[in-house]
Amino acid sequence: MTTKEAVLALDQGSSSSRVLAFDPRGRVLARAQRPVKTRFPAAGRVEHDALDLARTLECSLDAVLKALPRSTEVAAVGLSCQRSTVVLWDADSGRPVCPAPSWQDARAAALVAPLAADAALRDRVHARTGLYLTPYYSAPKIRSLLEEYPAAARLAAQGRLRIGPVSTWVLWRLTKGAVFFVDPTMAQRTLLFDLSTWDWDAELLGLFGVPRAALPAVAPTTGPLAEFERGGRRLRLSASVGDQQAAAYGQGGGAPGVGVLNYGTGAFFLLHTGARRAAVPGLLTSAAWQKLGEPCQYFLEGTVHAAGTSLSWLKENLGLLDDPRKADAACRRSRNRVLALPAIGGLGAPRWDYRTPAAFWGLDARTTKDDLVRGVVEGLAQLVADGVDAARAAGHDVSVFKAGGGLAALDWLVAAQADFLGSPIVRLKEAEATALGAAALAAEAAGVRWQARPAVGKTFKPRLSTAERRRLRAAWARFVAAQQSLS
């Protein structure tokens, strides 16, 4: 590959759509980004305009293609997208039928509660899909939308309804309706995909009232997936993958025993288990990627629903921060430790509790707003540590960690994470791990000699004694249990 060739990464996320062009060493040649609008029309509802998701990505792609010299060949394209967000559209008109519920949307909580109370069903769903019965995956949202929007049900009866995650939607638009598929990493997040049969599950389709004919075909994560024209160029898509999987790949998270920590809108712990589908109570068994002609790879995954969202909550709702990026300074000014449970949108792994609200404990006359900010930042680290501890308790040796994502720039957060894990954490220099991962998967599938390697930044070592760490973790466990009992 010459320096006059590029690999494009299309990254559609919760807060923005971005496109980056990389050279074979992972250096950015061009980039463009457009903000994505998010609506909160009612409690528990978080929505996007599906057209806005697609158009912001298309505008970013057009800007990057315009910035690249015509002499630069686009050798491959990779696509990474937010997971569990779902789009319903009319195949004839190409128009969305309704808003796209975000992965953070919990409108289906009342629908899911009685299902999750059925232990046999709950275990069966987890065994097949690797996921838990919560309102955050696509299937409950789809059923709610089919009930709420009669037009969707009419289109389904006419065979015109299309249902898919964001990756399926944006690719359908880019190819002018010619390509309608999903890869395993995105298919799994629908809560409808059986990891054993590698197909949509008939029982779950019936349970949630989802018409099979409206769902896309399933194809590998990498390979000759699609071709489309844009900006006078013929572009070849050779990778389509979920954003967290892309970030893990971009951080070199394919090595055994290496825990990947990614802090963004949510926070995620991922541990590669190879081709083995490991199961740990409270954690997800997630498809990592499936390269063409190879077995699917898997992760153990712990999720925290609200990381960046929690800091935005401190700013927008409580007025404790004028800029989430200033959280580090607030933590440094803090002199009193308070406990905070940043359960915006509920608790993820390993509790899967969407009833318990956010809470603070330990406030007194000395408490300042800086103490509250520090409490939330440390609370995020505690929640991530809960997922890691679940993996460790099941016998998985996780002693090396790599951290990335936008919030990993907060020193206090990563330092607290190292303290609560009792292990060093290497923070990577590259802030574009998701885009790099999508580009790497695409480049390798297209036969490009990809030479980029994650650049190592600062290493954070634990500062607490074992006794102090255990004391703080035990206090945290009692605090969370108390909040759950109140709910």
Protein backbone atom coordinates (compact mmCIF):
# COMPACT_ATOMS: atom_id res chain seq x y z
CA MET A 1 0.00 0.00 0.00
CA THR A 2 1.34 3.43 -0.88
CA THR A 3 1.02 6.68 1.05
CA LYS A 4 -1.42 7.81 -1.63
CA GLU A 5 -3.96 5.29 -0.47
CA ALA A 6 -6.37 5.66 2.44
CA VAL A 7 -8.74 3.63 4.57
CA LEU A 8 -11.98 5.32 5.63
CA ALA A 9 -13.70 4.79 8.98
CA LEU A 10 -17.35 5.79 9.23
CA ASP A 11 -18.37 6.07 12.90
CA GLN A 12 -21.99 6.78 13.79
CA GLY A 13 -22.29 7.39 17.54
CA SER A 14 -24.71 8.66 20.16
CA SER A 15 -23.44 12.23 20.14
CA SER A 16 -21.94 12.63 16.66
CA SER A 17 -21.29 11.13 13.26
CA ARG A 18 -17.64 11.10 12.21
CA VAL A 19 -15.61 10.02 9.24
CA LEU A 20 -11.82 9.71 9.29
CA ALA A 21 -9.36 8.86 6.54
CA PHE A 22 -6.24 7.03 7.74
CA ASP A 23 -3.01 6.19 5.99
CA PRO A 24 -1.60 2.64 6.51
CA ARG A 25 0.28 3.73 9.63
CA GLY A 26 -2.91 4.97 11.27
CA ARG A 27 -2.18 8.65 10.73
CA VAL A 28 -5.23 10.82 10.11
CA LEU A 29 -5.30 12.28 6.60
CA ALA A 30 -8.70 13.97 6.88
CA ARG A 31 -11.63 14.02 9.24
CA ALA A 32 -15.11 15.49 9.53
CA GLN A 33 -17.66 15.40 12.31
CA ARG A 34 -21.29 16.48 12.69
CA PRO A 35 -23.26 16.58 15.95
CA VAL A 36 -26.26 14.31 16.37
CA LYS A 37 -29.45 15.57 17.97
CA THR A 38 -30.91 13.62 20.87
CA ARG A 39 -34.42 14.15 22.21
CA PHE A 40 -35.76 13.33 25.67
CA PRO A 41 -39.53 13.63 25.11
CA ALA A 42 -40.56 11.92 28.36
CA ALA A 43 -39.11 10.08 31.33
CA GLY A 44 -37.24 7.01 30.13
CA ARG A 45 -37.44 8.05 26.48
CA VAL A 46 -34.30 8.86 24.52
CA GLU A 47 -34.73 9.29 20.76
CA HIS A 48 -32.89 10.20 17.58
CA ASP A 49 -34.19 11.32 14.22
CA ALA A 50 -33.10 8.44 11.98
CA LEU A 51 -32.66 10.80 9.03
CA ASP A 52 -30.38 12.97 11.17
CA LEU A 53 -28.22 9.95 12.02
CA ALA A 54 -27.82 9.08 8.35
CA ARG A 55 -27.46 12.59 6.96
CA THR A 56 -24.81 13.66 9.48
CA LEU A 57 -22.76 10.60 8.55
CA GLU A 58 -23.25 11.22 4.83
CA CYS A 59 -22.27 14.89 5.20
CA SER A 60 -19.13 13.89 7.10
CA LEU A 61 -18.28 11.34 4.40
CA ASP A 62 -18.75 13.92 1.65
CA ALA A 63 -16.48 16.38 3.49
CA VAL A 64 -13.68 13.82 3.88
CA LEU A 65 -13.91 12.68 0.26
CA LYS A 66 -13.70 16.31 -0.83
CA ALA A 67 -10.65 16.88 1.36
CA LEU A 68 -8.75 13.89 -0.03
CA PRO A 69 -6.75 14.54 -3.21
CA ARG A 70 -8.14 12.76 -6.25
CA SER A 71 -4.82 10.96 -6.51
CA THR A 72 -5.51 9.26 -3.16
CA GLU A 73 -7.17 5.89 -3.61
CA VAL A 74 -9.70 4.78 -1.01
CA ALA A 75 -8.60 1.17 -0.54
CA ALA A 76 -11.23 0.12 2.02
CA VAL A 77 -14.11 1.43 4.13
CA GLY A 78 -15.08 0.34 7.65
CA LEU A 79 -18.33 1.18 9.44
CA SER A 80 -18.85 1.27 13.21
CA CYS A 81 -22.14 2.25 14.84
CA GLN A 82 -23.84 2.67 18.19
CA ARG A 83 -25.51 -0.57 19.23
CA SER A 84 -29.12 -1.40 20.22
CA THR A 85 -30.52 1.82 18.74
CA VAL A 86 -33.12 0.69 16.21
CA VAL A 87 -34.69 2.18 13.07
CA LEU A 88 -38.02 1.30 11.42
CA TRP A 89 -38.54 2.50 7.85
CA ASP A 90 -40.65 2.13 4.72
CA ALA A 91 -38.77 0.18 2.04
CA ASP A 92 -40.70 1.93 -0.74
CA SER A 93 -40.33 5.56 0.33
CA GLY A 94 -37.09 5.16 2.30
CA ARG A 95 -38.59 7.27 5.08
CA PRO A 96 -38.41 6.37 8.77
CA VAL A 97 -41.77 5.42 10.26
CA CYS A 98 -41.03 6.89 13.68
CA PRO A 99 -38.19 8.25 15.84
CA ALA A 100 -35.29 5.88 16.49
CA PRO A 101 -35.15 4.89 20.18
CA SER A 102 -31.59 5.18 21.49
CA TRP A 103 -29.83 2.30 23.19
CA GLN A 104 -30.36 4.40 26.35
CA ASP A 105 -34.16 4.36 25.88
CA ALA A 106 -36.16 2.49 28.53
CA ARG A 107 -39.72 3.02 27.25
CA ALA A 108 -40.30 -0.74 27.29
CA ALA A 109 -39.51 -1.17 31.00
CA ALA A 110 -43.11 -2.07 31.91
CA LEU A 111 -43.24 -4.54 29.02
CA VAL A 112 -40.01 -6.26 30.04
CA ALA A 113 -40.61 -6.46 33.80
CA PRO A 114 -43.02 -9.44 33.78
CA LEU A 115 -40.89 -11.26 31.22
CA ALA A 116 -37.74 -10.80 33.29
CA ALA A 117 -39.60 -12.11 36.34
CA ASP A 118 -39.95 -15.49 34.59
CA ALA A 119 -36.70 -17.20 35.64
CA ALA A 120 -36.94 -19.95 33.03
CA LEU A 121 -37.51 -17.46 30.21
CA ARG A 122 -34.77 -15.19 31.52
CA ASP A 123 -32.24 -18.02 31.56
CA ARG A 124 -33.32 -19.24 28.14
CA VAL A 125 -32.92 -15.79 26.61
CA HIS A 126 -29.46 -15.37 28.13
CA ALA A 127 -28.32 -18.81 26.95
CA ARG A 128 -29.40 -18.09 23.39
CA THR A 129 -28.54 -14.43 22.96
CA GLY A 130 -25.80 -13.81 25.54
CA LEU A 131 -27.89 -10.86 26.78
CA TYR A 132 -30.33 -10.19 29.60
CA LEU A 133 -33.99 -9.24 29.42
CA THR A 134 -33.80 -5.48 29.80
CA PRO A 135 -35.52 -2.61 27.94
CA TYR A 136 -32.21 -1.39 26.54
CA TYR A 137 -31.94 -3.89 23.69
CA SER A 138 -33.84 -3.50 20.44
CA ALA A 139 -36.59 -6.14 20.63
CA PRO A 140 -38.64 -4.55 23.45
CA LYS A 141 -38.31 -1.17 21.74
CA ILE A 142 -39.53 -2.67 18.45
CA ARG A 143 -42.61 -4.14 20.09
CA SER A 144 -43.37 -0.79 21.75
CA LEU A 145 -43.02 1.03 18.42
CA LEU A 146 -45.26 -1.45 16.59
CA GLU A 147 -47.93 -0.82 19.23
CA GLU A 148 -47.43 2.95 19.36
CA TYR A 149 -47.26 3.63 15.60
CA PRO A 150 -50.08 1.97 13.60
CA ALA A 151 -48.31 2.87 10.34
CA ALA A 152 -45.50 0.47 11.26
CA ALA A 153 -47.92 -2.43 11.68
CA ARG A 154 -49.63 -1.57 8.37
CA LEU A 155 -46.30 -1.54 6.54
CA ALA A 156 -45.39 -4.88 8.10
CA ALA A 157 -48.64 -6.38 6.82
CA GLN A 158 -47.83 -5.04 3.34
CA GLY A 159 -44.27 -6.41 3.43
CA ARG A 160 -42.82 -2.89 3.21
CA LEU A 161 -41.47 -2.53 6.76
CA ARG A 162 -37.72 -2.69 7.32
CA ILE A 163 -36.23 -2.98 10.80
CA GLY A 164 -32.55 -2.76 11.59
CA PRO A 165 -29.84 -1.28 13.77
CA VAL A 166 -28.15 1.96 12.75
CA SER A 167 -25.50 0.14 10.69
CA THR A 168 -28.17 -1.53 8.55
CA TRP A 169 -30.06 1.74 8.10
CA VAL A 170 -27.11 3.90 7.03
CA LEU A 171 -25.75 1.23 4.69
CA TRP A 172 -29.20 0.75 3.12
CA ARG A 173 -29.20 4.49 2.38
CA LEU A 174 -25.62 4.61 1.09
CA THR A 175 -26.37 1.75 -1.32
CA LYS A 176 -29.77 3.23 -2.31
CA GLY A 177 -31.60 0.23 -0.90
CA ALA A 178 -29.45 -2.38 -2.63
CA VAL A 179 -27.88 -3.82 0.55
CA PHE A 180 -29.90 -4.94 3.59
CA PHE A 181 -27.73 -6.85 6.06
CA VAL A 182 -26.38 -6.81 9.60
CA ASP A 183 -23.24 -8.30 11.14
CA PRO A 184 -23.31 -10.51 14.27
CA THR A 185 -22.09 -7.78 16.64
CA MET A 186 -25.09 -5.62 15.77
CA ALA A 187 -27.58 -8.47 15.25
CA GLN A 188 -26.94 -9.73 18.76
CA ARG A 189 -27.98 -6.41 20.33
CA THR A 190 -31.49 -6.83 19.00
CA LEU A 191 -32.14 -9.57 21.62
CA LEU A 192 -33.49 -11.64 18.73
CA PHE A 193 -30.32 -13.37 17.50
CA ASP A 194 -29.41 -16.91 18.57
CA LEU A 195 -25.64 -17.29 18.93
CA SER A 196 -25.92 -21.08 18.52
CA THR A 197 -27.99 -21.26 15.34
CA TRP A 198 -26.57 -18.01 13.95
CA ASP A 199 -30.08 -16.95 12.98
CA TRP A 200 -33.08 -14.98 14.22
CA ASP A 201 -34.79 -16.89 17.02
CA ALA A 202 -38.40 -17.90 16.28
CA GLU A 203 -39.50 -17.88 19.93
CA LEU A 204 -38.12 -14.40 20.56
CA LEU A 205 -39.58 -13.06 17.32
CA GLY A 206 -42.97 -14.29 18.50
CA LEU A 207 -42.47 -13.03 22.05
CA PHE A 208 -41.83 -9.48 20.86
CA GLY A 209 -44.09 -9.58 17.80
CA VAL A 210 -41.29 -8.83 15.34
CA PRO A 211 -41.94 -9.87 11.71
CA ARG A 212 -39.00 -11.93 10.48
CA ALA A 213 -39.44 -10.63 6.91
CA ALA A 214 -38.67 -7.10 8.12
CA LEU A 215 -35.23 -8.05 9.48
CA PRO A 216 -31.96 -8.00 7.53
CA ALA A 217 -29.85 -10.96 6.49
CA VAL A 218 -26.84 -11.72 8.70
CA ALA A 219 -23.35 -11.57 7.17
CA PRO A 220 -19.80 -11.67 8.64
CA THR A 221 -18.22 -8.59 10.17
CA THR A 222 -15.59 -8.44 7.43
CA GLY A 223 -15.44 -9.34 3.76
CA PRO A 224 -16.65 -7.86 0.47
CA LEU A 225 -19.82 -6.53 2.08
CA ALA A 226 -21.01 -3.75 -0.24
CA GLU A 227 -20.02 -1.25 -2.92
CA PHE A 228 -21.48 2.20 -3.47
CA GLU A 229 -20.78 5.44 -5.32
CA ARG A 230 -20.04 8.63 -3.41
CA GLY A 231 -18.30 11.82 -4.43
CA GLY A 232 -17.36 10.40 -7.81
CA ARG A 233 -15.59 7.43 -6.20
CA ARG A 234 -16.41 3.75 -6.04
CA LEU A 235 -16.21 2.79 -2.37
CA ARG A 236 -15.94 -0.76 -1.04
CA LEU A 237 -17.18 -1.57 2.44
CA SER A 238 -15.17 -4.42 3.94
CA ALA A 239 -16.08 -4.15 7.65
CA SER A 240 -19.23 -3.36 9.63
CA VAL A 241 -19.06 -3.68 13.41
CA GLY A 242 -20.47 -2.42 16.71
CA ASP A 243 -18.74 0.61 18.19
CA GLN A 244 -17.47 -1.05 21.37
CA GLN A 245 -16.08 -4.01 19.45
CA ALA A 246 -14.35 -1.60 17.06
CA ALA A 247 -12.87 0.32 19.99
CA ALA A 248 -11.56 -2.88 21.56
CA TYR A 249 -10.00 -3.95 18.26
CA GLY A 250 -8.45 -0.51 17.84
CA GLN A 251 -6.92 -0.75 21.32
CA GLY A 252 -5.40 -4.15 20.60
CA GLY A 253 -7.97 -5.92 22.74
CA GLY A 254 -7.57 -9.30 21.09
CA ALA A 255 -4.94 -10.58 23.53
CA PRO A 256 -5.99 -13.02 26.29
CA GLY A 257 -6.12 -11.61 29.81
CA VAL A 258 -6.20 -7.98 28.62
CA GLY A 259 -9.21 -6.03 29.81
CA VAL A 260 -10.34 -3.19 27.57
CA LEU A 261 -12.00 -0.22 29.26
CA ASN A 262 -13.82 2.24 27.05
CA TYR A 263 -15.33 5.41 28.50
CA GLY A 264 -17.76 7.38 26.35
CA THR A 265 -21.49 8.04 26.59
CA GLY A 266 -21.53 4.74 28.46
CA ALA A 267 -18.61 2.84 29.98
CA PHE A 268 -17.65 -0.70 28.97
CA PHE A 269 -15.37 -3.49 30.13
CA LEU A 270 -14.52 -6.10 27.48
CA LEU A 271 -12.47 -9.26 27.87
CA HIS A 272 -11.63 -11.31 24.78
CA THR A 273 -12.32 -15.03 25.23
CA GLY A 274 -11.42 -16.13 21.71
CA ALA A 275 -13.79 -18.49 19.90
CA ARG A 276 -15.13 -19.71 23.25
CA ARG A 277 -18.50 -18.39 24.39
CA ALA A 278 -17.75 -17.88 28.07
CA ALA A 279 -20.69 -17.27 30.40
CA VAL A 280 -20.43 -15.34 33.68
CA PRO A 281 -23.47 -14.46 35.81
CA GLY A 282 -24.23 -10.76 35.42
CA LEU A 283 -22.01 -10.22 32.38
CA LEU A 284 -22.86 -10.32 28.71
CA THR A 285 -21.46 -12.87 26.29
CA SER A 286 -20.92 -10.61 23.28
CA ALA A 287 -19.96 -11.35 19.70
CA ALA A 288 -16.65 -9.56 19.18
CA TRP A 289 -16.27 -9.93 15.41
CA GLN A 290 -16.52 -12.60 12.76
CA LYS A 291 -13.94 -12.35 10.02
CA LEU A 292 -14.88 -13.95 6.72
CA GLY A 293 -14.07 -17.66 6.77
CA GLU A 294 -13.13 -17.69 10.46
CA PRO A 295 -14.99 -18.62 13.67
CA CYS A 296 -16.70 -15.82 15.53
CA GLN A 297 -14.71 -14.31 18.39
CA TYR A 298 -16.34 -13.41 21.71
CA PHE A 299 -16.08 -11.00 24.62
CA LEU A 300 -17.24 -11.02 28.16
CA GLU A 301 -18.76 -7.58 28.56
CA GLY A 302 -19.73 -5.37 31.46
CA THR A 303 -21.71 -2.23 30.71
CA VAL A 304 -22.37 1.00 32.59
CA HIS A 305 -25.28 2.81 30.99
CA ALA A 306 -24.30 6.38 31.78
CA ALA A 307 -20.71 7.64 31.88
CA GLY A 308 -20.53 10.78 29.77
CA THR A 309 -24.28 11.06 30.26
CA SER A 310 -23.74 11.31 34.03
CA LEU A 311 -21.35 14.23 33.63
CA SER A 312 -23.80 15.92 31.27
CA TRP A 313 -26.45 15.41 33.97
CA LEU A 314 -24.21 17.19 36.48
CA LYS A 315 -23.93 20.09 34.06
CA GLU A 316 -27.41 20.37 32.56
CA ASN A 317 -29.64 19.28 35.44
CA LEU A 318 -27.70 20.04 38.61
CA GLY A 319 -25.50 22.93 37.50
CA LEU A 320 -22.45 21.44 39.22
CA LEU A 321 -20.19 21.70 36.15
CA ASP A 322 -20.05 24.26 33.39
CA ASP A 323 -18.08 21.84 31.21
CA PRO A 324 -17.75 18.05 31.72
CA ARG A 325 -14.12 18.33 30.64
CA LYS A 326 -13.49 20.29 33.85
CA ALA A 327 -14.46 17.34 36.04
CA ASP A 328 -10.79 16.62 36.74
CA ALA A 329 -10.25 20.06 38.25
CA ALA A 330 -13.36 19.67 40.42
CA CYS A 331 -12.13 16.30 41.69
CA ARG A 332 -8.75 17.78 42.58
CA ARG A 333 -10.45 20.54 44.59
CA SER A 334 -12.60 18.06 46.51
CA ARG A 335 -11.66 17.45 50.14
CA ASN A 336 -14.49 15.14 51.24
CA ARG A 337 -15.39 11.74 49.85
CA VAL A 338 -19.08 11.14 49.23
CA LEU A 339 -20.63 8.10 47.60
CA ALA A 340 -22.60 8.60 44.39
CA LEU A 341 -24.55 6.05 42.38
CA PRO A 342 -24.67 7.42 38.80
CA ALA A 343 -27.61 5.23 37.81
CA ILE A 344 -28.91 7.48 35.06
CA GLY A 345 -30.88 5.01 32.96
CA GLY A 346 -30.52 2.26 35.55
CA LEU A 347 -27.74 -0.11 36.56
CA GLY A 348 -26.06 -2.33 33.98
CA ALA A 349 -23.69 -5.22 34.64
CA PRO A 350 -23.74 -7.16 36.84
CA ARG A 351 -27.06 -6.06 38.44
CA TRP A 352 -29.31 -5.25 35.44
CA ASP A 353 -31.58 -3.10 37.55
CA TYR A 354 -33.42 -0.30 35.76
CA ARG A 355 -35.57 0.71 38.75
CA THR A 356 -32.93 2.03 41.17
CA PRO A 357 -32.35 5.77 40.63
CA ALA A 358 -29.22 7.87 41.01
CA ALA A 359 -28.32 8.66 44.60
CA PHE A 360 -25.77 10.37 46.87
CA TRP A 361 -24.75 9.35 50.39
CA GLY A 362 -22.53 10.91 53.04
CA LEU A 363 -23.41 14.57 52.53
CA ASP A 364 -22.96 16.94 55.45
CA ALA A 365 -22.38 20.63 56.11
CA ARG A 366 -18.88 20.42 54.61
CA THR A 367 -20.00 18.92 51.29
CA THR A 368 -19.29 21.04 48.23
CA LYS A 369 -20.31 20.73 44.60
CA ASP A 370 -16.76 19.54 43.86
CA ASP A 371 -17.30 16.64 46.28
CA LEU A 372 -20.46 15.66 44.38
CA VAL A 373 -18.64 15.73 41.05
CA ARG A 374 -15.85 13.60 42.48
CA GLY A 375 -18.45 11.20 43.89
CA VAL A 376 -19.97 10.67 40.44
CA VAL A 377 -16.58 10.21 38.76
CA GLU A 378 -15.51 7.67 41.38
CA GLY A 379 -18.96 6.05 41.21
CA LEU A 380 -18.43 5.38 37.51
CA ALA A 381 -15.12 3.69 38.31
CA GLN A 382 -16.81 1.61 41.01
CA LEU A 383 -19.52 0.44 38.60
CA VAL A 384 -16.92 -0.62 36.03
CA ALA A 385 -15.00 -2.43 38.77
CA ASP A 386 -18.16 -4.37 39.66
CA GLY A 387 -18.17 -5.88 36.17
CA VAL A 388 -14.47 -6.72 36.31
CA ASP A 389 -14.86 -8.33 39.73
CA ALA A 390 -17.66 -10.54 38.36
CA ALA A 391 -15.27 -11.84 35.70
CA ARG A 392 -12.52 -12.38 38.25
CA ALA A 393 -14.87 -14.22 40.62
CA ALA A 394 -15.67 -16.63 37.78
CA GLY A 395 -11.99 -17.47 37.36
CA HIS A 396 -10.98 -15.11 34.56
CA ASP A 397 -7.51 -13.69 35.16
CA VAL A 398 -7.67 -10.01 34.29
CA SER A 399 -4.61 -8.13 35.46
CA VAL A 400 -3.72 -5.90 32.49
CA PHE A 401 -6.02 -3.10 31.38
CA LYS A 402 -6.06 -0.66 28.48
CA ALA A 403 -8.24 2.43 28.68
CA GLY A 404 -9.61 4.57 25.88
CA GLY A 405 -12.56 6.71 24.87
CA GLY A 406 -13.25 10.40 25.38
CA LEU A 407 -13.69 10.26 29.16
CA ALA A 408 -10.40 8.39 29.59
CA ALA A 409 -8.81 11.84 29.28
CA LEU A 410 -9.94 12.42 32.89
CA ASP A 411 -6.93 11.52 35.03
CA TRP A 412 -9.03 11.24 38.18
CA LEU A 413 -11.34 8.69 36.59
CA VAL A 414 -8.57 6.40 35.33
CA ALA A 415 -6.57 6.75 38.57
CA ALA A 416 -9.65 5.85 40.62
CA GLN A 417 -10.26 2.91 38.29
CA ALA A 418 -6.74 1.60 38.92
CA ASP A 419 -7.32 1.98 42.67
CA PHE A 420 -10.61 0.07 42.68
CA LEU A 421 -9.28 -2.68 40.39
CA GLY A 422 -5.96 -3.00 42.20
CA SER A 423 -4.26 -3.22 38.82
CA PRO A 424 -2.31 -0.83 36.58
CA ILE A 425 -4.11 0.72 33.62
CA VAL A 426 -2.41 1.85 30.43
CA ARG A 427 -4.17 4.80 28.84
CA LEU A 428 -3.70 4.86 25.10
CA LYS A 429 -2.67 8.08 23.39
CA GLU A 430 -4.99 7.59 20.45
CA ALA A 431 -8.41 9.10 21.08
CA GLU A 432 -9.80 7.56 17.88
CA ALA A 433 -9.79 3.91 18.96
CA THR A 434 -13.26 3.20 17.56
CA ALA A 435 -12.46 4.63 14.14
CA LEU A 436 -9.04 2.95 14.14
CA GLY A 437 -10.62 -0.40 14.94
CA ALA A 438 -13.15 -0.11 12.12
CA ALA A 439 -10.38 0.96 9.74
CA ALA A 440 -8.10 -1.89 10.83
CA LEU A 441 -10.80 -4.52 10.31
CA ALA A 442 -11.63 -3.07 6.89
CA ALA A 443 -7.99 -2.79 5.82
CA GLU A 444 -7.14 -6.35 6.80
CA ALA A 445 -10.22 -7.72 5.01
CA ALA A 446 -9.32 -5.78 1.87
CA GLY A 447 -5.74 -7.05 1.82
CA VAL A 448 -4.24 -3.75 2.89
CA ARG A 449 -0.96 -3.96 4.81
CA TRP A 450 -2.14 -2.21 7.96
CA GLN A 451 0.78 -1.03 10.11
CA ALA A 452 -0.94 1.06 12.78
CA ARG A 453 -0.36 0.06 16.40
CA PRO A 454 -1.97 1.57 19.52
CA ALA A 455 0.32 4.23 20.98
CA VAL A 456 0.82 3.82 24.71
CA GLY A 457 0.36 6.88 26.90
CA LYS A 458 0.36 7.24 30.66
CA THR A 459 0.23 4.26 33.02
CA PHE A 460 -1.87 4.62 36.19
CA LYS A 461 -0.80 2.40 39.09
CA PRO A 462 -2.94 1.59 42.14
CA ARG A 463 -2.28 3.94 45.06
CA LEU A 464 -4.38 2.17 47.69
CA SER A 465 -3.30 -0.64 49.96
CA THR A 466 -5.15 -3.91 49.54
CA ALA A 467 -6.91 -3.34 52.88
CA GLU A 468 -8.05 0.17 51.93
CA ARG A 469 -9.26 -0.98 48.53
CA ARG A 470 -11.28 -3.78 50.08
CA ARG A 471 -12.75 -1.38 52.64
CA LEU A 472 -13.88 1.10 49.98
CA ARG A 473 -15.26 -1.64 47.73
CA ALA A 474 -17.20 -3.17 50.63
CA ALA A 475 -18.64 0.23 51.56
CA TRP A 476 -19.66 0.70 47.94
CA ALA A 477 -21.40 -2.69 47.83
CA ARG A 478 -23.39 -1.83 50.99
CA PHE A 479 -24.33 1.57 49.55
CA VAL A 480 -25.63 0.12 46.27
CA ALA A 481 -27.52 -2.65 48.08
CA ALA A 482 -29.18 -0.06 50.32
CA GLN A 483 -30.31 2.00 47.33
CA GLN A 484 -31.69 -1.10 45.63
CA SER A 485 -33.64 -2.05 48.74
CA LEU A 486 -35.25 1.40 48.81
CA SER A 487 -36.39 0.94 45.22
